[in-house]
Amino acid sequence: MGARLERSKTRVNGFEDAEMDFQLLRQLGSCTYGGASVGECLAAVQRIQNGVPESWVEAFASLARKEESAAVERALKGHHISACEQYLRACNSYRAAEYFTDFRNPLHREMGMKSRECFIKSMKLMDHTCDVR
């Protein structure tokens, strides 16, 4: 037999932890609607330890901060469409971080409020209106 052709060393694996696996699939499912990037999700997964919620929180909070920073930078340059898209992704990443944060931890509220804030900023950059009270 000849040499075996291997196209990539990349292997996509979820988590053994059922809830983490479900939340990863949920996050990936939002890619179709601009709520996440497949590549960014898979990069975040590399920093998450199976069954360790704190590692999930840190990975997605870090991603959210990066996405929000990119949104601010783009908005300042007048790139409203890409800023809007980045704010939506940051919103969803903050939500993902909030999910595994203990509700007694002040970080839980912070992540939830950052998710809301990014959503509102995204809506303000869209052509249609959104009533947020």
Protein backbone atom coordinates (compact mmCIF):
# COMPACT_ATOMS: atom_id res chain seq x y z
CA MET A 1 0.00 0.00 0.00
CA GLY A 2 1.08 3.54 -0.69
CA ALA A 3 1.30 6.44 1.72
CA ARG A 4 -1.96 7.43 3.35
CA LEU A 5 -3.26 10.85 2.31
CA GLU A 6 -4.03 13.04 5.30
CA ARG A 7 -5.64 16.37 4.47
CA SER A 8 -5.56 17.86 7.93
CA LYS A 9 -4.60 17.22 11.52
CA THR A 10 -7.68 19.12 12.67
CA ARG A 11 -10.23 17.02 14.52
CA VAL A 12 -13.47 18.47 15.76
CA ASN A 13 -14.49 17.00 19.07
CA GLY A 14 -17.15 18.19 21.42
CA PHE A 15 -17.12 17.67 25.15
CA GLU A 16 -17.79 14.54 27.18
CA ASP A 17 -19.71 16.81 29.56
CA ALA A 18 -23.24 16.77 28.08
CA GLU A 19 -24.12 20.35 29.04
CA MET A 20 -20.88 21.77 27.65
CA ASP A 21 -21.39 19.78 24.47
CA PHE A 22 -24.96 21.11 24.11
CA GLN A 23 -23.85 24.70 24.72
CA LEU A 24 -21.08 24.32 22.13
CA LEU A 25 -23.61 23.08 19.57
CA ARG A 26 -25.89 25.98 20.49
CA GLN A 27 -23.04 28.43 19.99
CA LEU A 28 -22.10 26.88 16.64
CA GLY A 29 -25.75 26.91 15.58
CA SER A 30 -25.83 30.67 15.92
CA CYS A 31 -23.12 31.02 13.24
CA THR A 32 -25.75 30.94 10.50
CA TYR A 33 -27.32 34.09 11.93
CA GLY A 34 -24.10 35.98 12.67
CA GLY A 35 -24.00 35.13 16.38
CA ALA A 36 -20.63 33.40 16.26
CA SER A 37 -17.76 32.33 14.06
CA VAL A 38 -16.98 28.63 13.65
CA GLY A 39 -13.25 29.27 13.78
CA GLU A 40 -13.45 31.43 16.90
CA CYS A 41 -15.64 28.84 18.66
CA LEU A 42 -13.23 26.02 17.82
CA ALA A 43 -10.29 28.14 18.99
CA ALA A 44 -12.12 28.82 22.27
CA VAL A 45 -12.81 25.09 22.72
CA GLN A 46 -9.06 24.45 22.71
CA ARG A 47 -8.80 26.48 25.94
CA ILE A 48 -11.70 24.77 27.73
CA GLN A 49 -11.25 21.80 30.05
CA ASN A 50 -14.05 19.27 29.85
CA GLY A 51 -16.38 19.64 32.83
CA VAL A 52 -14.60 22.74 34.19
CA PRO A 53 -17.10 25.63 33.91
CA GLU A 54 -14.54 28.27 34.89
CA SER A 55 -12.44 27.42 31.82
CA TRP A 56 -15.53 27.85 29.61
CA VAL A 57 -16.30 31.22 31.21
CA GLU A 58 -12.75 32.48 30.73
CA ALA A 59 -12.56 31.29 27.10
CA PHE A 60 -15.83 32.90 26.04
CA ALA A 61 -15.41 36.04 28.15
CA SER A 62 -11.99 36.55 26.56
CA LEU A 63 -13.47 36.02 23.10
CA ALA A 64 -16.33 38.42 23.86
CA ARG A 65 -13.93 41.15 24.97
CA LYS A 66 -11.91 40.69 21.77
CA GLU A 67 -15.05 40.86 19.63
CA GLU A 68 -16.37 43.92 21.47
CA SER A 69 -13.03 45.68 21.08
CA ALA A 70 -13.09 44.96 17.34
CA ALA A 71 -16.64 46.32 17.17
CA VAL A 72 -15.64 49.57 18.88
CA GLU A 73 -12.64 49.97 16.58
CA ARG A 74 -14.76 49.41 13.48
CA ALA A 75 -17.49 51.76 14.67
CA LEU A 76 -14.93 54.51 15.27
CA LYS A 77 -13.73 54.08 11.68
CA GLY A 78 -17.30 54.38 10.40
CA HIS A 79 -17.53 50.71 9.39
CA HIS A 80 -21.06 50.33 10.75
CA ILE A 81 -21.97 47.02 9.12
CA SER A 82 -18.94 45.12 10.38
CA ALA A 83 -19.20 46.88 13.78
CA CYS A 84 -22.82 45.71 14.01
CA GLU A 85 -21.78 42.14 13.19
CA GLN A 86 -18.98 42.19 15.78
CA TYR A 87 -21.31 43.55 18.47
CA LEU A 88 -23.75 40.68 17.76
CA ARG A 89 -20.99 38.11 18.11
CA ALA A 90 -19.74 39.76 21.31
CA CYS A 91 -23.31 39.72 22.64
CA ASN A 92 -23.56 35.98 22.09
CA SER A 93 -20.09 35.26 23.47
CA TYR A 94 -20.87 37.20 26.65
CA ARG A 95 -24.09 35.16 26.91
CA ALA A 96 -22.08 31.96 26.54
CA ALA A 97 -19.72 33.10 29.31
CA GLU A 98 -22.65 34.05 31.54
CA TYR A 99 -24.24 30.62 31.13
CA PHE A 100 -21.56 28.76 33.09
CA THR A 101 -20.91 31.53 35.62
CA ASP A 102 -22.30 30.81 39.09
CA PHE A 103 -25.26 33.15 39.59
CA ARG A 104 -23.88 34.16 43.01
CA ASN A 105 -20.72 35.46 41.39
CA PRO A 106 -20.92 39.18 40.42
CA LEU A 107 -19.37 38.15 37.09
CA HIS A 108 -22.68 36.49 36.18
CA ARG A 109 -24.51 39.82 36.17
CA GLU A 110 -21.58 41.56 34.49
CA MET A 111 -21.56 39.08 31.61
CA GLY A 112 -25.34 39.35 31.23
CA MET A 113 -25.26 43.13 31.19
CA LYS A 114 -22.35 43.18 28.71
CA SER A 115 -24.35 40.84 26.45
CA ARG A 116 -27.31 43.23 26.62
CA GLU A 117 -25.11 46.28 26.04
CA CYS A 118 -23.53 44.78 22.94
CA PHE A 119 -26.94 43.77 21.60
CA ILE A 120 -28.26 47.32 22.00
CA LYS A 121 -25.17 48.79 20.33
CA SER A 122 -25.62 46.38 17.45
CA MET A 123 -29.29 47.27 17.04
CA LYS A 124 -28.43 50.98 16.92
CA LEU A 125 -26.23 50.31 13.90
CA MET A 126 -28.96 48.53 11.93
CA ASP A 127 -31.27 50.08 9.38
CA HIS A 128 -34.39 49.00 11.24
CA THR A 129 -35.51 49.91 14.73
CA CYS A 130 -35.57 47.90 17.91
CA ASP A 131 -37.36 48.95 21.09
CA VAL A 132 -35.16 48.03 24.05
CA ARG A 133 -36.53 49.01 27.44
